[in-house]
Amino acid sequence: MPEPTPGEGFDPVPPDPPIHHAEQALLGALLLDPNRLKTIGPLSPDHFASPAHTAVFAAMTDLTAPTPAVHTAEPAWITAVHAHARARAPGLQPTYLHTLVNLCPVPEHAPAYARMVRADHARRTLRAQAEYLVQAATDPTTPDPAATALARADTLAGFLDELAGRFPPHPGSLPRTPLPPPPERDGGDEAAYEERVLLACAVARPQALTAMRWLHADDFAIPLYGRLFRCVAQLAHRGDPVDPVTVLWEAQHHGLLGPSLPPRELLDLMATPAGAAEHWGERVLLRSLLHQARTAGLRIRAYTDDPATSVHQLVTGSRRALADLTAVRARWHHATHPAPTARPVPQSASARAGPRPPHTKPATTARTAR
């Protein structure tokens, strides 16, 4: 026999997910004894996945529970809950509340059912936070994509801290969910152009690379250009001469030359610098930052889609996913907020005047003594 529903077309949650049965068991226990509301721990209506269950629990929290004597003598509690819940859920049938009572296996286990409801709500909320992060990293209309993505990452990290405090750790805390493949990099014409110009600028002014250690070869959307950048950076950091020919020779030692990159094409690539290398480097790093933010969001979403993953496993896996973003974020901050140049400390008047004669005391000593 199919399981009764609150009303035809009302409850969109299928009866298969375990959380549906946990919510039914909890509400049935609370309908049997409203005093159990004091024993289930912190819980709010929005913790429930089903709109019907949200309405029923909201009615329970809004109403004043009857005394045990009244509750035992007549079904006043169920009647009041149904009447109050119908304002939010017009399709809710009174028979469904009696069904909830019958579906509760052990009313004394209400605190355990409540923990299940909180856990599933944490999973859904974390998935939504991951979706926001992915959206922020891929929305081309965002005025400041880096700040927006990092703000979303901060919100997600703060939520993980809350979950870590509410759900105790347990053995085997690493998620066993297979990681999805990383998304494709943005290797379009704009990215390719900016990376080519950056290479030309780095060859023309290699001294700029000393201050650009915040840029790594893995940041490039075009892997070949990233490896060429590594060649230029290694020459500059070793103090070797840097020009198109020396870079060509270094690229040969790295096995980069071949049919896909003949020597003439590499020389032409480095022949037209434009602008400053720092500017193009920031553009490359920005794309890398947004790519890592998107990758972290997709990994976290994959964890939340795995029903075998516990809340603590979600926290552990999500923090690991954000760690890679944090590493790129530190380099982005270093690139866009360089440390101020230290100013020389002015000499004091006494220092400019030269050493004091022997057996004399500075005037400041006398003033301090007084």
Protein backbone atom coordinates (compact mmCIF):
# COMPACT_ATOMS: atom_id res chain seq x y z
CA MET A 1 0.00 0.00 0.00
CA PRO A 2 1.45 3.45 -0.88
CA GLU A 3 2.32 5.70 2.02
CA PRO A 4 -0.26 8.47 2.69
CA THR A 5 0.80 12.00 1.75
CA PRO A 6 -0.18 15.33 3.31
CA GLY A 7 -2.27 16.26 0.29
CA GLU A 8 -2.29 15.55 -3.42
CA GLY A 9 0.39 17.54 -5.20
CA PHE A 10 1.51 19.25 -2.00
CA ASP A 11 4.57 17.44 -0.68
CA PRO A 12 7.31 17.41 -3.37
CA VAL A 13 9.68 15.26 -1.27
CA PRO A 14 9.57 11.62 -2.40
CA PRO A 15 9.07 9.07 0.37
CA ASP A 16 12.33 7.28 -0.42
CA PRO A 17 15.04 9.48 1.20
CA PRO A 18 15.83 8.46 4.79
CA ILE A 19 15.38 12.05 5.92
CA HIS A 20 11.71 11.89 4.98
CA HIS A 21 11.18 8.99 7.39
CA ALA A 22 13.27 10.69 10.10
CA GLU A 23 11.13 13.83 9.87
CA GLN A 24 7.95 11.78 10.05
CA ALA A 25 9.21 9.87 13.09
CA LEU A 26 10.19 13.07 14.88
CA LEU A 27 6.89 14.83 14.23
CA GLY A 28 4.98 11.72 15.25
CA ALA A 29 6.87 11.62 18.55
CA LEU A 30 6.11 15.30 19.19
CA LEU A 31 2.44 14.83 18.38
CA LEU A 32 2.30 11.96 20.85
CA ASP A 33 3.98 14.02 23.57
CA PRO A 34 4.47 17.78 23.02
CA ASN A 35 6.71 17.97 26.09
CA ARG A 36 9.43 16.25 24.03
CA LEU A 37 9.98 19.59 22.30
CA LYS A 38 12.17 20.44 25.29
CA THR A 39 14.39 17.39 24.81
CA ILE A 40 15.27 17.43 21.09
CA GLY A 41 17.84 20.22 21.15
CA PRO A 42 17.98 23.30 18.90
CA LEU A 43 15.69 22.87 15.90
CA SER A 44 13.78 25.32 13.72
CA PRO A 45 11.14 24.84 11.01
CA ASP A 46 13.58 25.55 8.18
CA HIS A 47 15.62 22.50 9.19
CA PHE A 48 12.95 20.28 7.58
CA ALA A 49 13.22 19.27 3.94
CA SER A 50 9.47 18.79 3.40
CA PRO A 51 7.27 21.91 3.22
CA ALA A 52 4.48 19.98 4.93
CA HIS A 53 6.75 19.00 7.80
CA THR A 54 8.03 22.58 8.02
CA ALA A 55 4.46 23.80 8.48
CA VAL A 56 3.67 21.19 11.12
CA PHE A 57 6.78 21.88 13.19
CA ALA A 58 6.29 25.66 12.90
CA ALA A 59 2.80 25.22 14.33
CA MET A 60 4.21 23.19 17.22
CA THR A 61 6.72 25.89 18.09
CA ASP A 62 4.14 28.68 17.80
CA LEU A 63 1.52 27.03 19.97
CA THR A 64 1.49 26.45 23.70
CA ALA A 65 1.50 22.77 24.46
CA PRO A 66 -1.47 21.49 26.46
CA THR A 67 -1.06 20.14 29.95
CA PRO A 68 -0.51 16.37 30.25
CA ALA A 69 -4.00 15.93 31.65
CA VAL A 70 -5.68 17.72 28.74
CA HIS A 71 -3.44 16.00 26.21
CA THR A 72 -4.33 12.58 27.59
CA ALA A 73 -8.08 13.27 27.72
CA GLU A 74 -8.65 14.68 24.21
CA PRO A 75 -6.80 15.20 20.87
CA ALA A 76 -6.57 18.95 21.41
CA TRP A 77 -2.87 19.06 20.47
CA ILE A 78 -3.26 17.41 17.08
CA THR A 79 -6.32 19.51 16.29
CA ALA A 80 -4.58 22.77 17.20
CA VAL A 81 -1.42 21.89 15.28
CA HIS A 82 -3.39 21.06 12.14
CA ALA A 83 -5.48 24.22 12.33
CA HIS A 84 -2.38 26.37 12.78
CA ALA A 85 -0.34 24.60 10.10
CA ARG A 86 -3.01 24.99 7.43
CA ALA A 87 -2.29 28.71 7.23
CA ARG A 88 1.12 27.81 5.78
CA ALA A 89 0.12 24.54 4.13
CA PRO A 90 -3.46 24.71 2.83
CA GLY A 91 -3.25 21.22 1.34
CA LEU A 92 -2.40 19.56 4.64
CA GLN A 93 -4.96 16.90 5.52
CA PRO A 94 -5.85 16.15 9.16
CA THR A 95 -5.43 12.42 8.52
CA TYR A 96 -1.74 12.96 7.75
CA LEU A 97 -1.03 14.04 11.33
CA HIS A 98 -2.52 10.78 12.60
CA THR A 99 -0.38 8.99 10.02
CA LEU A 100 2.71 10.67 11.49
CA VAL A 101 1.84 9.29 14.91
CA ASN A 102 1.52 5.77 13.50
CA LEU A 103 4.84 6.08 11.62
CA CYS A 104 6.90 6.85 14.73
CA PRO A 105 8.62 3.59 15.73
CA VAL A 106 9.97 4.64 19.14
CA PRO A 107 8.81 8.04 20.47
CA GLU A 108 11.59 8.05 23.08
CA HIS A 109 14.11 8.28 20.22
CA ALA A 110 12.94 11.79 19.29
CA PRO A 111 16.36 13.38 20.10
CA ALA A 112 18.02 10.96 17.67
CA TYR A 113 15.49 11.81 14.95
CA ALA A 114 16.14 15.51 15.57
CA ARG A 115 19.88 14.99 15.10
CA MET A 116 19.15 13.37 11.73
CA VAL A 117 17.06 16.37 10.71
CA ARG A 118 19.84 18.77 11.71
CA ALA A 119 22.43 16.69 9.84
CA ASP A 120 20.45 16.65 6.61
CA HIS A 121 19.78 20.38 6.89
CA ALA A 122 23.53 20.93 7.29
CA ARG A 123 24.13 18.92 4.10
CA ARG A 124 21.58 20.92 2.11
CA THR A 125 22.89 24.23 3.41
CA LEU A 126 26.48 23.31 2.61
CA ARG A 127 25.46 22.32 -0.91
CA ALA A 128 23.78 25.69 -1.39
CA GLN A 129 26.93 27.46 -0.16
CA ALA A 130 29.00 25.45 -2.65
CA GLU A 131 26.62 26.45 -5.46
CA TYR A 132 26.99 30.11 -4.50
CA LEU A 133 30.77 29.75 -4.66
CA VAL A 134 30.65 28.17 -8.11
CA GLN A 135 28.28 30.85 -9.34
CA ALA A 136 30.48 33.65 -8.02
CA ALA A 137 33.52 32.14 -9.75
CA THR A 138 31.79 31.81 -13.12
CA ASP A 139 29.52 34.85 -13.36
CA PRO A 140 31.00 37.17 -16.04
CA THR A 141 28.83 40.11 -14.97
CA THR A 142 30.30 40.42 -11.47
CA PRO A 143 32.09 43.79 -11.10
CA ASP A 144 34.76 42.41 -8.76
CA PRO A 145 34.83 38.63 -9.28
CA ALA A 146 37.80 37.99 -6.98
CA ALA A 147 36.27 39.82 -4.01
CA THR A 148 32.88 38.20 -4.60
CA ALA A 149 34.27 34.67 -4.85
CA LEU A 150 36.48 35.10 -1.81
CA ALA A 151 33.57 36.50 0.21
CA ARG A 152 31.55 33.40 -0.69
CA ALA A 153 34.48 31.22 0.33
CA ASP A 154 34.68 33.02 3.67
CA THR A 155 30.97 32.47 4.28
CA LEU A 156 31.37 28.79 3.46
CA ALA A 157 34.40 28.46 5.74
CA GLY A 158 32.49 30.12 8.58
CA PHE A 159 29.62 27.68 8.13
CA LEU A 160 32.08 24.78 8.28
CA ASP A 161 33.38 26.13 11.59
CA GLU A 162 29.83 26.14 12.93
CA LEU A 163 29.26 22.56 11.80
CA ALA A 164 32.53 21.43 13.38
CA GLY A 165 31.34 22.78 16.71
CA ARG A 166 27.88 21.21 16.48
CA PHE A 167 28.76 17.76 15.15
CA PRO A 168 31.45 15.83 17.03
CA PRO A 169 34.27 14.15 15.09
CA HIS A 170 34.41 10.40 14.65
CA PRO A 171 36.88 7.82 13.29
CA GLY A 172 37.20 7.65 9.53
CA SER A 173 36.55 11.35 9.08
CA LEU A 174 37.91 11.55 5.52
CA PRO A 175 35.19 11.34 2.86
CA ARG A 176 35.34 8.39 0.50
CA THR A 177 33.50 10.17 -2.30
CA PRO A 178 35.33 9.95 -5.65
CA LEU A 179 36.44 13.44 -6.60
CA PRO A 180 35.00 14.87 -9.80
CA PRO A 181 37.48 15.82 -12.54
CA PRO A 182 38.56 19.46 -12.33
CA PRO A 183 36.67 21.78 -14.65
CA GLU A 184 38.26 22.91 -17.87
CA ARG A 185 40.32 26.07 -17.69
CA ASP A 186 39.26 29.21 -19.50
CA GLY A 187 41.66 28.88 -22.42
CA GLY A 188 39.82 31.16 -24.82
CA ASP A 189 41.27 33.81 -27.09
CA GLU A 190 41.40 36.46 -24.38
CA ALA A 191 43.28 34.25 -21.94
CA ALA A 192 45.70 33.07 -24.65
CA TYR A 193 46.41 36.64 -25.73
CA GLU A 194 47.09 37.88 -22.21
CA GLU A 195 49.41 34.98 -21.45
CA ARG A 196 51.36 35.51 -24.69
CA VAL A 197 51.79 39.21 -23.93
CA LEU A 198 52.91 38.35 -20.41
CA LEU A 199 55.62 36.06 -21.78
CA ALA A 200 56.84 38.77 -24.15
CA CYS A 201 56.91 41.35 -21.34
CA ALA A 202 58.76 38.96 -19.01
CA VAL A 203 61.46 38.38 -21.63
CA ALA A 204 61.76 42.09 -22.38
CA ARG A 205 61.97 43.07 -18.70
CA PRO A 206 63.03 39.99 -16.70
CA GLN A 207 63.85 42.05 -13.60
CA ALA A 208 60.10 42.31 -13.00
CA LEU A 209 59.99 38.57 -12.29
CA THR A 210 61.90 39.11 -9.05
CA ALA A 211 58.82 40.82 -7.60
CA MET A 212 56.38 38.41 -9.29
CA ARG A 213 57.12 35.26 -7.33
CA TRP A 214 53.40 35.19 -6.57
CA LEU A 215 52.79 33.85 -10.09
CA HIS A 216 53.29 30.13 -10.75
CA ALA A 217 53.36 28.14 -13.96
CA ASP A 218 50.24 26.25 -12.88
CA ASP A 219 48.28 29.50 -12.91
CA PHE A 220 48.32 29.65 -16.70
CA ALA A 221 45.23 28.53 -18.57
CA ILE A 222 47.39 27.36 -21.48
CA PRO A 223 49.75 24.70 -20.04
CA LEU A 224 52.39 25.33 -22.73
CA TYR A 225 52.57 29.02 -21.84
CA GLY A 226 52.91 28.11 -18.18
CA ARG A 227 55.90 25.90 -18.94
CA LEU A 228 57.46 28.66 -21.05
CA PHE A 229 56.95 31.09 -18.17
CA ARG A 230 58.79 28.65 -15.92
CA CYS A 231 61.72 28.70 -18.36
CA VAL A 232 61.89 32.52 -18.30
CA ALA A 233 61.54 32.65 -14.51
CA GLN A 234 64.28 30.08 -13.96
CA LEU A 235 66.69 32.03 -16.15
CA ALA A 236 65.90 35.25 -14.30
CA HIS A 237 66.16 33.72 -10.83
CA ARG A 238 69.51 32.11 -11.68
CA GLY A 239 70.83 35.45 -12.87
CA ASP A 240 71.40 34.16 -16.41
CA PRO A 241 70.89 36.39 -19.45
CA VAL A 242 67.29 36.56 -20.60
CA ASP A 243 66.39 37.25 -24.22
CA PRO A 244 64.43 35.38 -26.90
CA VAL A 245 67.42 33.22 -27.85
CA THR A 246 68.32 32.17 -24.30
CA VAL A 247 64.68 31.37 -23.63
CA LEU A 248 64.60 29.32 -26.83
CA TRP A 249 67.60 27.34 -25.62
CA GLU A 250 66.05 26.82 -22.17
CA ALA A 251 62.78 25.70 -23.76
CA GLN A 252 64.69 23.13 -25.78
CA HIS A 253 66.15 21.65 -22.58
CA HIS A 254 62.63 21.39 -21.15
CA GLY A 255 61.46 19.47 -24.21
CA LEU A 256 58.97 22.15 -25.28
CA LEU A 257 60.07 22.53 -28.90
CA GLY A 258 58.53 20.34 -31.56
CA PRO A 259 55.96 20.35 -34.34
CA SER A 260 53.43 22.14 -32.13
CA LEU A 261 55.98 24.81 -31.17
CA PRO A 262 58.75 25.31 -33.73
CA PRO A 263 61.62 27.66 -32.84
CA ARG A 264 60.45 30.41 -35.18
CA GLU A 265 57.00 30.48 -33.63
CA LEU A 266 58.47 30.76 -30.13
CA LEU A 267 60.70 33.64 -31.19
CA ASP A 268 57.72 35.43 -32.75
CA LEU A 269 55.70 34.88 -29.57
CA MET A 270 58.27 36.83 -27.53
CA ALA A 271 58.73 39.63 -30.05
CA THR A 272 55.83 41.97 -29.17
CA PRO A 273 55.73 43.04 -25.52
CA ALA A 274 53.01 45.50 -24.53
CA GLY A 275 52.37 47.04 -21.14
CA ALA A 276 53.70 45.83 -17.83
CA ALA A 277 54.32 42.22 -16.91
CA GLU A 278 52.78 42.82 -13.47
CA HIS A 279 49.46 43.79 -15.03
CA TRP A 280 49.24 40.72 -17.23
CA GLY A 281 50.46 38.54 -14.37
CA GLU A 282 47.56 39.71 -12.20
CA ARG A 283 45.15 38.85 -15.01
CA VAL A 284 46.57 35.33 -15.21
CA LEU A 285 46.45 34.92 -11.43
CA LEU A 286 42.85 36.16 -11.31
CA ARG A 287 41.78 33.44 -13.71
CA SER A 288 43.65 30.90 -11.64
CA LEU A 289 41.94 32.13 -8.46
CA LEU A 290 38.46 31.88 -9.99
CA HIS A 291 39.26 28.46 -11.43
CA GLN A 292 40.34 27.21 -8.01
CA ALA A 293 37.22 28.68 -6.40
CA ARG A 294 35.06 26.87 -8.93
CA THR A 295 36.99 23.64 -8.43
CA ALA A 296 36.54 23.86 -4.64
CA GLY A 297 32.81 24.49 -5.00
CA LEU A 298 32.35 21.53 -7.32
CA ARG A 299 34.29 19.23 -4.99
CA ILE A 300 32.21 20.29 -1.98
CA ARG A 301 29.02 19.84 -3.96
CA ALA A 302 30.12 16.31 -4.88
CA TYR A 303 30.64 15.53 -1.19
CA THR A 304 27.15 16.77 -0.31
CA ASP A 305 25.59 14.71 -3.11
CA ASP A 306 26.99 11.51 -1.58
CA PRO A 307 24.48 10.26 1.03
CA ALA A 308 27.14 8.02 2.58
CA THR A 309 29.12 11.07 3.73
CA SER A 310 28.57 12.13 7.34
CA VAL A 311 28.52 15.75 8.43
CA HIS A 312 32.00 15.51 9.94
CA GLN A 313 33.29 14.00 6.71
CA LEU A 314 31.68 16.89 4.86
CA VAL A 315 33.54 19.33 7.09
CA THR A 316 36.89 17.58 6.65
CA GLY A 317 36.60 17.19 2.89
CA SER A 318 35.30 20.72 2.37
CA ARG A 319 38.14 22.24 4.37
CA ARG A 320 40.64 20.35 2.24
CA ALA A 321 38.93 21.63 -0.89
CA LEU A 322 39.17 25.21 0.38
CA ALA A 323 42.84 24.78 1.33
CA ASP A 324 43.91 24.85 -2.32
CA LEU A 325 41.92 28.04 -2.83
CA THR A 326 43.52 29.55 0.26
CA ALA A 327 46.99 28.99 -1.20
CA VAL A 328 46.11 30.85 -4.39
CA ARG A 329 44.34 33.50 -2.36
CA ALA A 330 47.52 34.24 -0.39
CA ARG A 331 49.42 34.82 -3.61
CA TRP A 332 46.60 36.97 -4.99
CA HIS A 333 46.73 39.15 -1.88
CA HIS A 334 50.50 39.46 -2.22
CA ALA A 335 50.12 40.51 -5.86
CA THR A 336 47.37 43.08 -5.30
CA HIS A 337 48.51 44.34 -1.88
CA PRO A 338 52.29 44.56 -2.08
CA ALA A 339 54.15 45.27 1.12
CA PRO A 340 54.97 49.00 1.49
CA THR A 341 58.53 49.98 0.88
CA ALA A 342 60.28 50.74 4.17
CA ARG A 343 61.31 54.36 4.48
CA PRO A 344 64.74 55.20 5.90
CA VAL A 345 64.56 56.17 9.55
CA PRO A 346 65.60 59.82 9.97
CA GLN A 347 68.56 60.41 12.21
CA SER A 348 68.00 62.17 15.49
CA ALA A 349 69.53 65.56 16.15
CA SER A 350 72.05 64.07 18.55
CA ALA A 351 73.13 61.48 16.00
CA ARG A 352 73.62 64.16 13.35
CA ALA A 353 75.65 66.19 15.79
CA GLY A 354 78.15 63.39 16.26
CA PRO A 355 79.35 61.61 19.43
CA ARG A 356 79.10 63.32 22.79
CA PRO A 357 82.20 64.45 24.57
CA PRO A 358 83.24 62.16 27.44
CA HIS A 359 81.78 62.64 30.94
CA THR A 360 78.66 64.46 29.65
CA LYS A 361 75.04 63.49 29.99
CA PRO A 362 72.35 64.07 27.38
CA ALA A 363 69.81 66.77 28.10
CA THR A 364 66.95 64.32 27.89
CA THR A 365 68.31 62.49 30.97
CA ALA A 366 68.11 65.61 33.07
CA ARG A 367 64.62 66.40 31.87
CA THR A 368 63.48 62.89 32.67
CA ALA A 369 64.96 63.05 36.15
CA ARG A 370 63.13 66.25 36.86
